[in-house]
C-alpha atoms as a PDB file:
ATOM      1  CA  MET A   1      34.167  98.728  80.978  1.00  0.00           C
ATOM      2  CA  ASN A   2      31.346  96.959  82.863  1.00  0.00           C
ATOM      3  CA  LEU A   3      31.183  93.411  84.256  1.00  0.00           C
ATOM      4  CA  VAL A   4      29.531  91.982  81.139  1.00  0.00           C
ATOM      5  CA  GLN A   5      32.316  93.273  78.921  1.00  0.00           C
ATOM      6  CA  LYS A   6      35.015  91.988  81.281  1.00  0.00           C
ATOM      7  CA  TYR A   7      33.273  88.607  81.351  1.00  0.00           C
ATOM      8  CA  ILE A   8      33.293  88.447  77.531  1.00  0.00           C
ATOM      9  CA  ILE A   9      37.021  89.280  77.408  1.00  0.00           C
ATOM     10  CA  LYS A  10      37.810  86.575  79.988  1.00  0.00           C
ATOM     11  CA  GLU A  11      35.789  84.128  77.912  1.00  0.00           C
ATOM     12  CA  ILE A  12      37.647  84.912  74.667  1.00  0.00           C
ATOM     13  CA  ILE A  13      41.286  85.262  75.787  1.00  0.00           C
ATOM     14  CA  PRO A  14      41.922  81.545  76.663  1.00  0.00           C
ATOM     15  CA  PHE A  15      40.473  80.399  73.318  1.00  0.00           C
ATOM     16  CA  PHE A  16      42.541  83.056  71.547  1.00  0.00           C
ATOM     17  CA  LEU A  17      45.791  81.815  73.131  1.00  0.00           C
ATOM     18  CA  ILE A  18      44.950  78.143  72.541  1.00  0.00           C
ATOM     19  CA  GLY A  19      43.969  78.937  68.947  1.00  0.00           C
ATOM     20  CA  ASN A  20      47.320  80.604  68.266  1.00  0.00           C
ATOM     21  CA  LEU A  21      49.212  77.633  69.707  1.00  0.00           C
ATOM     22  CA  PHE A  22      47.067  75.160  67.757  1.00  0.00           C
ATOM     23  CA  PHE A  23      47.535  76.892  64.404  1.00  0.00           C
ATOM     24  CA  MET A  24      51.221  77.504  65.174  1.00  0.00           C
ATOM     25  CA  PHE A  25      51.884  73.772  65.597  1.00  0.00           C
ATOM     26  CA  LEU A  26      49.755  73.079  62.520  1.00  0.00           C
ATOM     27  CA  LEU A  27      51.822  75.429  60.349  1.00  0.00           C
ATOM     28  CA  LEU A  28      55.134  74.340  61.903  1.00  0.00           C
ATOM     29  CA  MET A  29      54.459  70.612  61.603  1.00  0.00           C
ATOM     30  CA  GLU A  30      55.875  70.204  58.097  1.00  0.00           C
ATOM     31  CA  ARG A  31      58.943  72.311  58.889  1.00  0.00           C
ATOM     32  CA  MET A  32      59.549  70.407  62.133  1.00  0.00           C
ATOM     33  CA  VAL A  33      59.510  67.067  60.286  1.00  0.00           C
ATOM     34  CA  THR A  34      62.118  68.402  57.836  1.00  0.00           C
ATOM     35  CA  LEU A  35      64.254  69.856  60.641  1.00  0.00           C
ATOM     36  CA  ALA A  36      63.996  66.612  62.630  1.00  0.00           C
ATOM     37  CA  ASP A  37      65.288  64.727  59.588  1.00  0.00           C
ATOM     38  CA  LEU A  38      68.228  67.141  59.388  1.00  0.00           C
ATOM     39  CA  PHE A  39      69.016  66.482  63.065  1.00  0.00           C
ATOM     40  CA  PHE A  40      68.823  62.677  62.958  1.00  0.00           C
ATOM     41  CA  SER A  41      70.152  61.930  59.460  1.00  0.00           C
ATOM     42  CA  LYS A  42      72.372  64.930  58.653  1.00  0.00           C
ATOM     43  CA  ASN A  43      73.846  65.567  62.141  1.00  0.00           C
ATOM     44  CA  VAL A  44      72.885  69.258  62.094  1.00  0.00           C
ATOM     45  CA  PRO A  45      73.367  70.773  65.594  1.00  0.00           C
ATOM     46  CA  LEU A  46      70.141  70.776  67.620  1.00  0.00           C
ATOM     47  CA  PHE A  47      70.601  74.354  68.875  1.00  0.00           C
ATOM     48  CA  LEU A  48      70.746  75.581  65.270  1.00  0.00           C
ATOM     49  CA  LEU A  49      67.413  73.895  64.456  1.00  0.00           C
ATOM     50  CA  ILE A  50      65.699  75.205  67.625  1.00  0.00           C
ATOM     51  CA  GLU A  51      67.022  78.689  66.900  1.00  0.00           C
ATOM     52  CA  THR A  52      65.630  78.486  63.346  1.00  0.00           C
ATOM     53  CA  ILE A  53      62.170  77.495  64.641  1.00  0.00           C
ATOM     54  CA  ILE A  54      62.198  80.444  67.062  1.00  0.00           C
ATOM     55  CA  TYR A  55      63.114  82.820  64.237  1.00  0.00           C
ATOM     56  CA  LEU A  56      60.191  81.472  62.175  1.00  0.00           C
ATOM     57  CA  LEU A  57      57.628  82.158  64.933  1.00  0.00           C
ATOM     58  CA  PRO A  58      56.935  85.849  64.066  1.00  0.00           C
ATOM     59  CA  SER A  59      55.922  84.948  60.494  1.00  0.00           C
ATOM     60  CA  ILE A  60      53.798  82.089  61.880  1.00  0.00           C
ATOM     61  CA  PHE A  61      52.002  84.236  64.478  1.00  0.00           C
ATOM     62  CA  TYR A  62      51.544  86.930  61.823  1.00  0.00           C
ATOM     63  CA  MET A  63      49.288  84.409  60.053  1.00  0.00           C
ATOM     64  CA  THR A  64      47.669  82.775  63.101  1.00  0.00           C
ATOM     65  CA  ILE A  65      46.538  85.870  65.043  1.00  0.00           C
ATOM     66  CA  PRO A  66      43.574  86.743  62.745  1.00  0.00           C
ATOM     67  CA  ILE A  67      42.576  83.059  62.428  1.00  0.00           C
ATOM     68  CA  ALA A  68      42.798  82.517  66.187  1.00  0.00           C
ATOM     69  CA  GLY A  69      40.698  85.656  66.759  1.00  0.00           C
ATOM     70  CA  LEU A  70      37.975  84.283  64.495  1.00  0.00           C
ATOM     71  CA  LEU A  71      38.042  80.891  66.203  1.00  0.00           C
ATOM     72  CA  ALA A  72      38.106  82.312  69.742  1.00  0.00           C
ATOM     73  CA  THR A  73      35.117  84.630  69.351  1.00  0.00           C
ATOM     74  CA  LEU A  74      33.158  81.990  67.439  1.00  0.00           C
ATOM     75  CA  ILE A  75      33.608  79.371  70.182  1.00  0.00           C
ATOM     76  CA  ALA A  76      33.042  81.855  73.002  1.00  0.00           C
ATOM     77  CA  PHE A  77      29.816  83.352  71.628  1.00  0.00           C
ATOM     78  CA  SER A  78      28.587  79.989  70.418  1.00  0.00           C
ATOM     79  CA  ARG A  79      28.793  78.763  74.016  1.00  0.00           C
ATOM     80  CA  LEU A  80      27.306  81.952  75.465  1.00  0.00           C
ATOM     81  CA  SER A  81      24.413  81.746  73.004  1.00  0.00           C
ATOM     82  CA  ALA A  82      23.836  78.001  73.458  1.00  0.00           C
ATOM     83  CA  ASP A  83      23.793  78.373  77.264  1.00  0.00           C
ATOM     84  CA  SER A  84      21.373  81.339  77.011  1.00  0.00           C
ATOM     85  CA  GLU A  85      23.918  83.642  78.650  1.00  0.00           C
ATOM     86  CA  LEU A  86      23.522  86.153  75.832  1.00  0.00           C
ATOM     87  CA  ILE A  87      19.782  86.278  76.554  1.00  0.00           C
ATOM     88  CA  ALA A  88      20.568  86.874  80.236  1.00  0.00           C
ATOM     89  CA  MET A  89      23.008  89.660  79.345  1.00  0.00           C
ATOM     90  CA  LYS A  90      20.427  91.389  77.160  1.00  0.00           C
ATOM     91  CA  ALA A  91      17.803  90.931  79.890  1.00  0.00           C
ATOM     92  CA  ILE A  92      19.914  93.022  82.284  1.00  0.00           C
ATOM     93  CA  GLY A  93      20.306  95.781  79.689  1.00  0.00           C
ATOM     94  CA  ALA A  94      23.351  94.776  77.632  1.00  0.00           C
ATOM     95  CA  SER A  95      22.912  96.152  74.106  1.00  0.00           C
ATOM     96  CA  ASN A  96      24.586  95.001  70.909  1.00  0.00           C
ATOM     97  CA  LYS A  97      26.972  97.924  71.320  1.00  0.00           C
ATOM     98  CA  THR A  98      27.879  96.628  74.790  1.00  0.00           C
ATOM     99  CA  LEU A  99      28.654  93.181  73.378  1.00  0.00           C
ATOM    100  CA  ILE A 100      30.736  94.446  70.463  1.00  0.00           C
ATOM    101  CA  LYS A 101      32.796  96.985  72.433  1.00  0.00           C
ATOM    102  CA  PRO A 102      35.113  94.373  74.109  1.00  0.00           C
ATOM    103  CA  LEU A 103      35.509  92.645  70.730  1.00  0.00           C
ATOM    104  CA  ILE A 104      36.745  95.862  69.153  1.00  0.00           C
ATOM    105  CA  PHE A 105      39.124  96.290  72.103  1.00  0.00           C
ATOM    106  CA  ILE A 106      40.530  92.749  71.615  1.00  0.00           C
ATOM    107  CA  GLY A 107      40.632  93.277  67.851  1.00  0.00           C
ATOM    108  CA  ILE A 108      42.633  96.509  68.160  1.00  0.00           C
ATOM    109  CA  PHE A 109      45.014  94.838  70.622  1.00  0.00           C
ATOM    110  CA  ALA A 110      45.486  91.830  68.298  1.00  0.00           C
ATOM    111  CA  GLY A 111      45.841  94.161  65.302  1.00  0.00           C
ATOM    112  CA  LEU A 112      48.571  96.189  67.031  1.00  0.00           C
ATOM    113  CA  ILE A 113      50.490  92.991  67.824  1.00  0.00           C
ATOM    114  CA  ASN A 114      50.138  91.933  64.199  1.00  0.00           C
ATOM    115  CA  LEU A 115      51.240  95.383  63.028  1.00  0.00           C
ATOM    116  CA  ALA A 116      54.387  95.116  65.163  1.00  0.00           C
ATOM    117  CA  MET A 117      54.997  91.672  63.665  1.00  0.00           C
ATOM    118  CA  GLY A 118      54.590  93.033  60.138  1.00  0.00           C
ATOM    119  CA  LEU A 119      56.648  96.184  60.625  1.00  0.00           C
ATOM    120  CA  TYR A 120      59.628  94.588  62.343  1.00  0.00           C
ATOM    121  CA  PHE A 121      59.542  91.001  63.628  1.00  0.00           C
ATOM    122  CA  VAL A 122      58.520  89.166  60.405  1.00  0.00           C
ATOM    123  CA  GLU A 123      61.347  90.724  58.402  1.00  0.00           C
ATOM    124  CA  LYS A 124      63.896  90.285  61.198  1.00  0.00           C
ATOM    125  CA  GLY A 125      62.870  86.724  62.042  1.00  0.00           C
ATOM    126  CA  SER A 126      62.693  85.608  58.400  1.00  0.00           C
ATOM    127  CA  THR A 127      66.143  87.025  57.653  1.00  0.00           C
ATOM    128  CA  LEU A 128      67.678  85.308  60.690  1.00  0.00           C
ATOM    129  CA  ALA A 129      65.898  82.044  59.823  1.00  0.00           C
ATOM    130  CA  TYR A 130      67.220  82.103  56.254  1.00  0.00           C
ATOM    131  CA  ASN A 131      70.703  82.895  57.544  1.00  0.00           C
ATOM    132  CA  ASN A 132      70.440  79.824  59.736  1.00  0.00           C
ATOM    133  CA  LEU A 133      69.291  77.786  56.755  1.00  0.00           C
ATOM    134  CA  ASN A 134      72.441  78.911  54.977  1.00  0.00           C
ATOM    135  CA  LYS A 135      74.482  77.577  57.915  1.00  0.00           C
ATOM    136  CA  ILE A 136      72.525  74.321  57.787  1.00  0.00           C
ATOM    137  CA  VAL A 137      73.271  73.981  54.063  1.00  0.00           C
ATOM    138  CA  GLU A 138      76.966  74.535  54.749  1.00  0.00           C
ATOM    139  CA  ASN A 139      76.819  71.994  57.555  1.00  0.00           C
ATOM    140  CA  ILE A 140      75.247  69.191  55.521  1.00  0.00           C
ATOM    141  CA  SER A 141      76.872  69.894  52.175  1.00  0.00           C
ATOM    142  CA  ILE A 142      79.130  67.127  50.851  1.00  0.00           C
ATOM    143  CA  LYS A 143      79.797  65.720  54.341  1.00  0.00           C
ATOM    144  CA  ASP A 144      76.976  63.206  53.896  1.00  0.00           C
ATOM    145  CA  LEU A 145      78.065  62.203  50.373  1.00  0.00           C
ATOM    146  CA  LYS A 146      78.578  58.429  50.465  1.00  0.00           C
ATOM    147  CA  ALA A 147      80.438  56.092  48.156  1.00  0.00           C
ATOM    148  CA  ASN A 148      78.402  54.272  45.506  1.00  0.00           C
ATOM    149  CA  GLU A 149      75.318  56.435  46.110  1.00  0.00           C
ATOM    150  CA  ILE A 150      73.880  59.258  43.982  1.00  0.00           C
ATOM    151  CA  TYR A 151      74.047  62.601  45.837  1.00  0.00           C
ATOM    152  CA  GLU A 152      71.181  64.979  44.929  1.00  0.00           C
ATOM    153  CA  GLN A 153      71.309  67.611  47.689  1.00  0.00           C
ATOM    154  CA  ILE A 154      72.751  70.359  45.450  1.00  0.00           C
ATOM    155  CA  PRO A 155      70.137  71.854  43.066  1.00  0.00           C
ATOM    156  CA  GLY A 156      70.876  70.983  39.431  1.00  0.00           C
ATOM    157  CA  ILE A 157      73.832  68.721  40.340  1.00  0.00           C
ATOM    158  CA  LEU A 158      74.179  64.943  40.593  1.00  0.00           C
ATOM    159  CA  LEU A 159      77.315  63.458  42.182  1.00  0.00           C
ATOM    160  CA  PHE A 160      78.575  59.877  42.305  1.00  0.00           C
ATOM    161  CA  VAL A 161      81.842  58.588  43.782  1.00  0.00           C
ATOM    162  CA  LYS A 162      83.296  55.108  44.008  1.00  0.00           C
ATOM    163  CA  ASN A 163      85.685  55.878  46.858  1.00  0.00           C
ATOM    164  CA  LYS A 164      85.408  58.521  49.608  1.00  0.00           C
ATOM    165  CA  ILE A 165      88.817  59.243  51.106  1.00  0.00           C
ATOM    166  CA  SER A 166      87.648  62.024  53.466  1.00  0.00           C
ATOM    167  CA  ASP A 167      84.858  64.628  53.739  1.00  0.00           C
ATOM    168  CA  THR A 168      86.566  66.649  51.001  1.00  0.00           C
ATOM    169  CA  ALA A 169      88.606  64.148  48.950  1.00  0.00           C
ATOM    170  CA  PHE A 170      87.262  61.520  46.556  1.00  0.00           C
ATOM    171  CA  ASP A 171      88.381  59.028  43.921  1.00  0.00           C
ATOM    172  CA  ASP A 172      86.525  58.214  40.693  1.00  0.00           C
ATOM    173  CA  MET A 173      83.932  60.985  40.818  1.00  0.00           C
ATOM    174  CA  ILE A 174      81.217  61.677  38.263  1.00  0.00           C
ATOM    175  CA  MET A 175      79.432  65.048  38.311  1.00  0.00           C
ATOM    176  CA  ILE A 176      76.394  65.795  36.138  1.00  0.00           C
ATOM    177  CA  GLN A 177      75.085  69.340  35.696  1.00  0.00           C
ATOM    178  CA  THR A 178      71.521  68.694  34.522  1.00  0.00           C
ATOM    179  CA  LYS A 179      70.761  72.144  33.073  1.00  0.00           C
ATOM    180  CA  GLU A 180      74.052  72.596  31.222  1.00  0.00           C
ATOM    181  CA  LYS A 181      74.071  68.906  30.175  1.00  0.00           C
ATOM    182  CA  LEU A 182      77.670  68.638  31.326  1.00  0.00           C
ATOM    183  CA  ILE A 183      79.275  65.420  32.586  1.00  0.00           C
ATOM    184  CA  ILE A 184      82.635  65.455  34.365  1.00  0.00           C
ATOM    185  CA  ASN A 185      84.434  62.175  35.039  1.00  0.00           C
ATOM    186  CA  ALA A 186      87.567  62.562  37.183  1.00  0.00           C
ATOM    187  CA  ALA A 187      90.020  60.124  38.704  1.00  0.00           C
ATOM    188  CA  HIS A 188      90.440  62.354  41.762  1.00  0.00           C
ATOM    189  CA  ALA A 189      88.414  65.273  43.180  1.00  0.00           C
ATOM    190  CA  LYS A 190      88.523  67.700  46.096  1.00  0.00           C
ATOM    191  CA  ILE A 191      85.482  69.698  47.254  1.00  0.00           C
ATOM    192  CA  THR A 192      85.910  72.391  49.880  1.00  0.00           C
ATOM    193  CA  PRO A 193      83.539  75.162  51.108  1.00  0.00           C
ATOM    194  CA  THR A 194      84.675  78.771  50.697  1.00  0.00           C
ATOM    195  CA  ASP A 195      84.003  81.878  52.790  1.00  0.00           C
ATOM    196  CA  ASN A 196      81.287  83.180  50.424  1.00  0.00           C
ATOM    197  CA  ARG A 197      78.950  80.176  50.874  1.00  0.00           C
ATOM    198  CA  SER A 198      80.083  78.328  47.780  1.00  0.00           C
ATOM    199  CA  MET A 199      82.070  75.197  47.002  1.00  0.00           C
ATOM    200  CA  GLU A 200      85.367  75.011  45.195  1.00  0.00           C
ATOM    201  CA  MET A 201      85.392  71.784  43.192  1.00  0.00           C
ATOM    202  CA  LEU A 202      88.808  70.610  41.943  1.00  0.00           C
ATOM    203  CA  PHE A 203      88.969  67.740  39.449  1.00  0.00           C
ATOM    204  CA  TYR A 204      92.132  65.893  38.384  1.00  0.00           C
ATOM    205  CA  ASN A 205      92.897  63.603  35.417  1.00  0.00           C
ATOM    206  CA  GLY A 206      89.537  63.277  33.768  1.00  0.00           C
ATOM    207  CA  THR A 207      87.215  64.202  30.944  1.00  0.00           C
ATOM    208  CA  PHE A 208      84.202  66.424  30.504  1.00  0.00           C
ATOM    209  CA  THR A 209      81.437  65.760  28.021  1.00  0.00           C
ATOM    210  CA  MET A 210      79.073  68.438  26.707  1.00  0.00           C
ATOM    211  CA  GLU A 211      76.102  68.473  24.342  1.00  0.00           C
ATOM    212  CA  ASP A 212      76.064  71.212  21.711  1.00  0.00           C
ATOM    213  CA  LYS A 213      73.032  72.959  20.191  1.00  0.00           C
ATOM    214  CA  GLN A 214      72.726  70.262  17.514  1.00  0.00           C
ATOM    215  CA  GLY A 215      72.584  67.561  20.191  1.00  0.00           C
ATOM    216  CA  LYS A 216      76.058  66.185  19.435  1.00  0.00           C
ATOM    217  CA  LEU A 217      78.314  65.120  22.292  1.00  0.00           C
ATOM    218  CA  SER A 218      81.927  66.221  22.524  1.00  0.00           C
ATOM    219  CA  THR A 219      84.455  64.955  25.042  1.00  0.00           C
ATOM    220  CA  VAL A 220      87.642  66.729  26.114  1.00  0.00           C
ATOM    221  CA  GLY A 221      90.330  65.453  28.469  1.00  0.00           C
ATOM    222  CA  PHE A 222      91.998  67.528  31.198  1.00  0.00           C
ATOM    223  CA  GLU A 223      94.678  67.263  33.841  1.00  0.00           C
ATOM    224  CA  ASN A 224      92.950  69.592  36.320  1.00  0.00           C
ATOM    225  CA  MET A 225      89.784  71.664  36.365  1.00  0.00           C
ATOM    226  CA  SER A 226      88.248  74.063  38.926  1.00  0.00           C
ATOM    227  CA  ILE A 227      84.560  74.944  39.345  1.00  0.00           C
ATOM    228  CA  ASN A 228      83.086  77.363  41.901  1.00  0.00           C
ATOM    229  CA  LEU A 229      79.522  76.386  42.783  1.00  0.00           C
ATOM    230  CA  PRO A 230      77.093  78.270  45.109  1.00  0.00           C
ATOM    231  CA  LEU A 231      75.876  76.141  48.012  1.00  0.00           C
ATOM    232  CA  ASN A 232      72.684  78.070  48.669  1.00  0.00           C
ATOM    233  CA  ILE A 233      71.138  78.898  45.295  1.00  0.00           C
ATOM    234  CA  ASN A 234      67.523  78.615  46.462  1.00  0.00           C
ATOM    235  CA  ILE A 235      68.097  80.166  49.868  1.00  0.00           C
ATOM    236  CA  ALA A 236      69.938  83.179  48.464  1.00  0.00           C
ATOM    237  CA  LYS A 237      66.871  83.987  46.403  1.00  0.00           C
ATOM    238  CA  ALA A 238      64.673  83.618  49.471  1.00  0.00           C
ATOM    239  CA  VAL A 239      66.765  86.094  51.463  1.00  0.00           C
ATOM    240  CA  ASN A 240      66.086  88.699  48.794  1.00  0.00           C
ATOM    241  CA  SER A 241      62.350  87.953  48.781  1.00  0.00           C
ATOM    242  CA  PRO A 242      59.863  90.642  49.931  1.00  0.00           C
ATOM    243  CA  MET A 243      59.142  88.756  53.173  1.00  0.00           C
ATOM    244  CA  THR A 244      62.688  89.408  54.394  1.00  0.00           C
ATOM    245  CA  MET A 245      62.608  93.104  53.474  1.00  0.00           C
ATOM    246  CA  SER A 246      62.015  95.911  55.947  1.00  0.00           C
ATOM    247  CA  ILE A 247      59.321  98.540  55.316  1.00  0.00           C
ATOM    248  CA  GLY A 248      62.006 100.929  54.062  1.00  0.00           C
ATOM    249  CA  GLN A 249      63.352  98.319  51.640  1.00  0.00           C
ATOM    250  CA  LEU A 250      59.845  97.530  50.398  1.00  0.00           C
ATOM    251  CA  ILE A 251      59.237 101.220  49.708  1.00  0.00           C
ATOM    252  CA  GLU A 252      62.578 101.463  47.854  1.00  0.00           C
ATOM    253  CA  ASN A 253      61.605  98.423  45.754  1.00  0.00           C
ATOM    254  CA  SER A 254      57.998  99.524  45.187  1.00  0.00           C
ATOM    255  CA  ASP A 255      58.517  99.205  41.421  1.00  0.00           C
ATOM    256  CA  ASN A 256      58.627  95.441  42.049  1.00  0.00           C
ATOM    257  CA  PRO A 257      54.994  94.124  42.084  1.00  0.00           C
ATOM    258  CA  LYS A 258      55.824  91.491  44.729  1.00  0.00           C
ATOM    259  CA  ALA A 259      57.394  94.091  47.022  1.00  0.00           C
ATOM    260  CA  GLN A 260      54.464  96.464  46.482  1.00  0.00           C
ATOM    261  CA  PHE A 261      52.026  93.695  47.415  1.00  0.00           C
ATOM    262  CA  GLU A 262      54.033  92.756  50.520  1.00  0.00           C
ATOM    263  CA  LEU A 263      54.185  96.404  51.649  1.00  0.00           C
ATOM    264  CA  HIS A 264      50.385  96.751  51.633  1.00  0.00           C
ATOM    265  CA  LYS A 265      49.918  93.249  53.061  1.00  0.00           C
ATOM    266  CA  ARG A 266      51.870  94.360  56.158  1.00  0.00           C
ATOM    267  CA  PHE A 267      49.024  96.820  56.864  1.00  0.00           C
ATOM    268  CA  SER A 268      45.972  94.904  55.597  1.00  0.00           C
ATOM    269  CA  THR A 269      46.705  91.797  57.676  1.00  0.00           C
ATOM    270  CA  PRO A 270      46.578  93.627  61.067  1.00  0.00           C
ATOM    271  CA  LEU A 271      43.180  95.104  60.114  1.00  0.00           C
ATOM    272  CA  SER A 272      41.962  91.617  59.208  1.00  0.00           C
ATOM    273  CA  ALA A 273      42.397  90.663  62.885  1.00  0.00           C
ATOM    274  CA  ILE A 274      39.619  93.116  63.865  1.00  0.00           C
ATOM    275  CA  VAL A 275      37.376  91.929  61.021  1.00  0.00           C
ATOM    276  CA  MET A 276      37.919  88.239  61.859  1.00  0.00           C
ATOM    277  CA  ILE A 277      37.120  88.753  65.549  1.00  0.00           C
ATOM    278  CA  LEU A 278      33.848  90.518  64.724  1.00  0.00           C
ATOM    279  CA  PHE A 279      33.130  87.818  62.147  1.00  0.00           C
ATOM    280  CA  GLY A 280      33.594  85.157  64.829  1.00  0.00           C
ATOM    281  CA  PHE A 281      31.034  86.955  67.017  1.00  0.00           C
ATOM    282  CA  SER A 282      28.364  87.004  64.296  1.00  0.00           C
ATOM    283  CA  LEU A 283      29.001  83.372  63.364  1.00  0.00           C
ATOM    284  CA  GLY A 284      28.984  82.267  66.997  1.00  0.00           C
ATOM    285  CA  VAL A 285      25.574  83.826  67.582  1.00  0.00           C
ATOM    286  CA  PHE A 286      24.127  82.673  64.264  1.00  0.00           C
ATOM    287  CA  LEU A 287      25.488  79.084  64.380  1.00  0.00           C
ATOM    288  CA  SER A 288      25.011  78.405  68.085  1.00  0.00           C
ATOM    289  CA  ARG A 289      22.415  75.708  67.464  1.00  0.00           C
ATOM    290  CA  SER A 290      24.553  73.932  64.869  1.00  0.00           C
ATOM    291  CA  GLY A 291      27.119  72.820  67.419  1.00  0.00           C
ATOM    292  CA  LYS A 292      30.684  73.891  68.139  1.00  0.00           C
ATOM    293  CA  SER A 293      32.257  71.373  65.761  1.00  0.00           C
ATOM    294  CA  PHE A 294      30.352  72.770  62.808  1.00  0.00           C
ATOM    295  CA  GLY A 295      31.239  76.322  63.835  1.00  0.00           C
ATOM    296  CA  ILE A 296      34.928  75.435  64.101  1.00  0.00           C
ATOM    297  CA  LEU A 297      34.861  73.875  60.638  1.00  0.00           C
ATOM    298  CA  ILE A 298      33.195  77.020  59.270  1.00  0.00           C
ATOM    299  CA  SER A 299      35.852  79.247  60.864  1.00  0.00           C
ATOM    300  CA  ILE A 300      38.712  77.113  59.535  1.00  0.00           C
ATOM    301  CA  GLY A 301      37.077  77.159  56.098  1.00  0.00           C
ATOM    302  CA  LEU A 302      36.790  80.962  56.165  1.00  0.00           C
ATOM    303  CA  ALA A 303      40.375  81.308  57.346  1.00  0.00           C
ATOM    304  CA  PHE A 304      41.480  79.021  54.521  1.00  0.00           C
ATOM    305  CA  LEU A 305      39.473  81.100  52.026  1.00  0.00           C
ATOM    306  CA  TYR A 306      41.053  84.355  53.207  1.00  0.00           C
ATOM    307  CA  ASN A 307      44.598  82.986  53.047  1.00  0.00           C
ATOM    308  CA  ALA A 308      43.933  81.298  49.691  1.00  0.00           C
ATOM    309  CA  LEU A 309      42.819  84.648  48.259  1.00  0.00           C
ATOM    310  CA  MET A 310      45.892  86.332  49.698  1.00  0.00           C
ATOM    311  CA  LEU A 311      48.151  83.637  48.249  1.00  0.00           C
ATOM    312  CA  TYR A 312      46.503  83.909  44.832  1.00  0.00           C
ATOM    313  CA  PHE A 313      46.922  87.687  44.622  1.00  0.00           C
ATOM    314  CA  GLU A 314      50.477  87.453  45.998  1.00  0.00           C
ATOM    315  CA  ASN A 315      51.526  84.895  43.373  1.00  0.00           C
ATOM    316  CA  SER A 316      49.684  86.822  40.647  1.00  0.00           C
ATOM    317  CA  ALA A 317      51.139  90.235  41.520  1.00  0.00           C
ATOM    318  CA  GLY A 318      52.313  91.842  38.302  1.00  0.00           C
ATOM    319  CA  SER A 319      50.786  89.163  36.063  1.00  0.00           C
ATOM    320  CA  ILE A 320      47.111  90.193  36.355  1.00  0.00           C
ATOM    321  CA  PRO A 321      45.565  93.569  35.419  1.00  0.00           C
ATOM    322  CA  ILE A 322      45.064  94.588  39.064  1.00  0.00           C
ATOM    323  CA  ASN A 323      47.338  96.962  40.926  1.00  0.00           C
ATOM    324  CA  PRO A 324      49.416  94.915  43.448  1.00  0.00           C
ATOM    325  CA  ALA A 325      48.720  97.502  46.155  1.00  0.00           C
ATOM    326  CA  LEU A 326      44.959  97.125  45.638  1.00  0.00           C
ATOM    327  CA  SER A 327      45.092  93.330  45.393  1.00  0.00           C
ATOM    328  CA  ALA A 328      46.613  93.148  48.915  1.00  0.00           C
ATOM    329  CA  TRP A 329      43.369  94.697  50.226  1.00  0.00           C
ATOM    330  CA  ILE A 330      40.819  92.786  48.104  1.00  0.00           C
ATOM    331  CA  PRO A 331      40.486  89.759  50.473  1.00  0.00           C
ATOM    332  CA  LEU A 332      39.914  92.151  53.383  1.00  0.00           C
ATOM    333  CA  PHE A 333      37.267  94.113  51.449  1.00  0.00           C
ATOM    334  CA  ILE A 334      35.462  90.866  50.588  1.00  0.00           C
ATOM    335  CA  PHE A 335      35.415  89.798  54.234  1.00  0.00           C
ATOM    336  CA  ILE A 336      34.217  93.232  55.372  1.00  0.00           C
ATOM    337  CA  LEU A 337      31.208  92.853  53.048  1.00  0.00           C
ATOM    338  CA  LEU A 338      30.571  89.344  54.402  1.00  0.00           C
ATOM    339  CA  LEU A 339      30.907  90.704  57.953  1.00  0.00           C
ATOM    340  CA  ILE A 340      28.325  93.444  57.347  1.00  0.00           C
ATOM    341  CA  TYR A 341      25.863  90.879  55.982  1.00  0.00           C
ATOM    342  CA  SER A 342      26.569  88.484  58.858  1.00  0.00           C
ATOM    343  CA  LEU A 343      26.134  91.183  61.525  1.00  0.00           C
ATOM    344  CA  LYS A 344      22.795  92.228  60.043  1.00  0.00           C
ATOM    345  CA  ARG A 345      21.605  88.621  60.264  1.00  0.00           C
ATOM    346  CA  SER A 346      22.852  88.301  63.856  1.00  0.00           C
ATOM    347  CA  PHE A 347      21.152  91.494  65.065  1.00  0.00           C
ATOM    348  CA  LYS A 348      17.715  90.637  63.625  1.00  0.00           C
END
C-alpha cells in the first residue's frame, strides 16, 4: 500500500467513526427519551437503563456502519476533489484502481465487523435488551398505580382504584378488559407479581359484567375471584422475533418468511457496507462542486432509501409474491446497479 492509499485511509477513518457516533445518537434518541422517562417518573434503576442501552448498541451499529461508510467516503472525496488533491494524485501516477483499492480494504473491514454483528452480537444484544425490558416492566408494574387515576400501562387493561393501601393492596377497584369487554368491580383487591413474569390478581366481594354476542350485558356477583395476567405480552413476542434468533435458530425456522428474510439480511447487510463506501467515493467526486452540505443530504437520502426498501420487504415477507430470501437482497442489487452507473460517470 503506497502513500496515496494510506493518505486516503487516514482521511476516511475519522469521518467513518464520527458518522457512526452521529447516526448512533440519532437512532438512540427516541429510546433514550423513553428510558429517561422511566428513570425520572417510574423510578427504574439507572444501571438497568444504561445496561439496556449498551445491549442495544450492536443492532444500532449494524445499521449505522454502511451509512457511516457512505457518508465518510463522500465527505472525504468531496474535499479531496474540491481542493484539487485528486488531480494532484493522478498527476503523480495514481490510477482509478489506486484510489479504489483502499476503499475496498475499508469496505471489507467494515463488512467483516458488520458480519460479526449479524452472526452473533445483534442476536445476543437484542435478547439481553429484551430481557432487561422484561425486568423494567416488572419494576414499574402496579407500583406506580395511583388512587383516583386511570392506569393504562398494561396492554388491553384499564385499572381504577379509589384507595391504595399498599403497592399490592387496594380498595374499590375497577378493572376493564377492553378486548373481552369485561368489567370487574371489587371492594378489595390484591395484585402480586409471580415468578413467571405475570400478575396474580385477587378480587374480593364484587361483581363482573360481560357483554354477550348479542350485545346484552350480564352481571354476576362473587365473593372472590383470581385472574393470572402476563406482564410482558408485547415484549414476550419481541423476544421470539427473528432479530433475537441466532443463525441456527433462523435456519431451523426457515419455513417462517420473517425468519427466512432475517437470515439472508444478516449476510446482505455486511456486503452493503462495501457498496455504500464505493458509492460514497463516486458521489464525492461527482458532487464536489455542489458543496458538502448537498452531498451529505444526498447520502442521508440514499441511506434512507436503502433502509426504507429493507423495511418494506421485511414487513411484506410472506405477503407478496417474492421469495423472502430474494427480497432481502433486492435493495442491495438496486444499489449495485446505481453504483455501476455512478462509477462510470465518475471515471469519465
